[in-house]
C-alpha atoms as a PDB file:
ATOM      1  CA  MET A   1     117.655  66.087  90.628  1.00  0.00           C
ATOM      2  CA  LYS A   2     118.966  69.163  90.858  1.00  0.00           C
ATOM      3  CA  LEU A   3     119.703  70.906  87.500  1.00  0.00           C
ATOM      4  CA  SER A   4     120.618  74.509  86.691  1.00  0.00           C
ATOM      5  CA  ILE A   5     121.325  75.899  83.149  1.00  0.00           C
ATOM      6  CA  ASP A   6     123.551  79.406  82.884  1.00  0.00           C
ATOM      7  CA  ILE A   7     122.269  81.080  79.594  1.00  0.00           C
ATOM      8  CA  ASP A   8     124.376  84.001  78.902  1.00  0.00           C
ATOM      9  CA  CYS A   9     122.730  86.411  76.088  1.00  0.00           C
ATOM     10  CA  THR A  10     121.927  89.791  75.486  1.00  0.00           C
ATOM     11  CA  PRO A  11     118.114  90.809  76.447  1.00  0.00           C
ATOM     12  CA  GLN A  12     117.453  91.306  72.441  1.00  0.00           C
ATOM     13  CA  GLU A  13     118.782  87.743  71.974  1.00  0.00           C
ATOM     14  CA  ALA A  14     116.307  86.405  74.834  1.00  0.00           C
ATOM     15  CA  ARG A  15     113.157  88.390  73.303  1.00  0.00           C
ATOM     16  CA  ALA A  16     114.027  86.941  70.140  1.00  0.00           C
ATOM     17  CA  PHE A  17     114.156  83.591  71.256  1.00  0.00           C
ATOM     18  CA  LEU A  18     111.094  84.007  73.409  1.00  0.00           C
ATOM     19  CA  GLY A  19     109.005  85.717  70.788  1.00  0.00           C
ATOM     20  CA  LEU A  20     108.735  88.696  72.600  1.00  0.00           C
ATOM     21  CA  PRO A  21     108.213  91.974  70.867  1.00  0.00           C
ATOM     22  CA  ASP A  22     111.282  94.338  70.213  1.00  0.00           C
ATOM     23  CA  VAL A  23     109.649  97.150  72.344  1.00  0.00           C
ATOM     24  CA  GLU A  24     113.437  99.060  72.502  1.00  0.00           C
ATOM     25  CA  ALA A  25     111.747 101.974  69.973  1.00  0.00           C
ATOM     26  CA  PHE A  26     108.867 102.429  71.121  1.00  0.00           C
ATOM     27  CA  GLN A  27     110.410 102.804  75.034  1.00  0.00           C
ATOM     28  CA  ARG A  28     113.238 105.446  73.593  1.00  0.00           C
ATOM     29  CA  GLU A  29     110.388 107.491  72.259  1.00  0.00           C
ATOM     30  CA  MET A  30     108.449 107.008  75.504  1.00  0.00           C
ATOM     31  CA  MET A  31     111.148 108.152  77.286  1.00  0.00           C
ATOM     32  CA  SER A  32     111.969 111.259  75.049  1.00  0.00           C
ATOM     33  CA  GLU A  33     108.440 112.117  75.190  1.00  0.00           C
ATOM     34  CA  ILE A  34     108.838 112.284  79.061  1.00  0.00           C
ATOM     35  CA  GLN A  35     111.578 113.892  79.165  1.00  0.00           C
ATOM     36  CA  ASN A  36     110.340 116.544  76.674  1.00  0.00           C
ATOM     37  CA  GLN A  37     107.038 117.023  78.663  1.00  0.00           C
ATOM     38  CA  LEU A  38     108.920 117.321  82.203  1.00  0.00           C
ATOM     39  CA  SER A  39     111.356 119.981  80.512  1.00  0.00           C
ATOM     40  CA  ALA A  40     108.495 121.955  79.939  1.00  0.00           C
ATOM     41  CA  HIS A  41     107.024 121.796  83.044  1.00  0.00           C
ATOM     42  CA  VAL A  42     110.149 122.363  85.223  1.00  0.00           C
ATOM     43  CA  ALA A  43     110.881 125.589  82.557  1.00  0.00           C
ATOM     44  CA  ALA A  44     107.096 127.027  83.063  1.00  0.00           C
ATOM     45  CA  MET A  45     107.311 127.135  86.443  1.00  0.00           C
ATOM     46  CA  ASP A  46     107.689 130.632  88.506  1.00  0.00           C
ATOM     47  CA  PRO A  47     108.912 130.061  91.308  1.00  0.00           C
ATOM     48  CA  GLU A  48     106.467 132.919  93.298  1.00  0.00           C
ATOM     49  CA  ALA A  49     103.751 130.608  91.951  1.00  0.00           C
ATOM     50  CA  LEU A  50     104.855 127.602  93.342  1.00  0.00           C
ATOM     51  CA  MET A  51     104.932 129.284  96.119  1.00  0.00           C
ATOM     52  CA  LYS A  52     101.562 130.921  96.452  1.00  0.00           C
ATOM     53  CA  THR A  53     100.243 127.722  95.349  1.00  0.00           C
ATOM     54  CA  TRP A  54     102.250 125.980  98.656  1.00  0.00           C
ATOM     55  CA  MET A  55     101.136 128.622 101.131  1.00  0.00           C
ATOM     56  CA  PRO A  56      97.978 130.227 100.063  1.00  0.00           C
ATOM     57  CA  MET A  57      98.662 132.946 103.192  1.00  0.00           C
ATOM     58  CA  GLY A  58     101.890 133.512 101.528  1.00  0.00           C
ATOM     59  CA  THR A  59     104.463 134.664 104.512  1.00  0.00           C
ATOM     60  CA  LYS A  60     101.777 136.669 106.184  1.00  0.00           C
ATOM     61  CA  ALA A  61     101.547 133.063 108.427  1.00  0.00           C
ATOM     62  CA  PHE A  62     104.640 133.247 109.256  1.00  0.00           C
ATOM     63  CA  GLU A  63     105.252 136.857 110.128  1.00  0.00           C
ATOM     64  CA  THR A  64     102.570 136.321 112.346  1.00  0.00           C
ATOM     65  CA  PHE A  65     103.732 133.241 114.002  1.00  0.00           C
ATOM     66  CA  ARG A  66     107.239 135.500 114.404  1.00  0.00           C
ATOM     67  CA  ASP A  67     105.601 138.160 115.943  1.00  0.00           C
ATOM     68  CA  ALA A  68     103.631 136.508 118.129  1.00  0.00           C
ATOM     69  CA  PHE A  69     107.224 134.926 119.377  1.00  0.00           C
ATOM     70  CA  VAL A  70     108.468 137.618 119.923  1.00  0.00           C
ATOM     71  CA  GLN A  71     105.986 139.440 122.034  1.00  0.00           C
ATOM     72  CA  GLY A  72     106.023 136.227 124.070  1.00  0.00           C
ATOM     73  CA  PHE A  73     109.629 136.894 125.076  1.00  0.00           C
ATOM     74  CA  GLN A  74     109.300 140.542 125.316  1.00  0.00           C
ATOM     75  CA  LYS A  75     106.669 140.123 127.713  1.00  0.00           C
ATOM     76  CA  ARG A  76     108.544 137.299 129.530  1.00  0.00           C
ATOM     77  CA  SER A  77     111.661 139.207 129.827  1.00  0.00           C
ATOM     78  CA  SER A  78     109.702 142.201 131.222  1.00  0.00           C
ATOM     79  CA  ASP A  79     108.231 140.276 133.881  1.00  0.00           C
END
């Protein structure tokens, strides 16, 4: 025997029926707080500081690699 029941209700109605707490206000408050913190962190991000964090040597490593690459081609073309 197979029995299926379709219940058409909103999430608020389902929470009330099951006796679950209404967390909508708490969720709104937490999402607002998270959004404020993320906005503050993004506003405080300095692109130069971010690049120094990602690449401690700065662009010096790229310049060294480029120079070595160019020298390699120059030696190869002069041969």
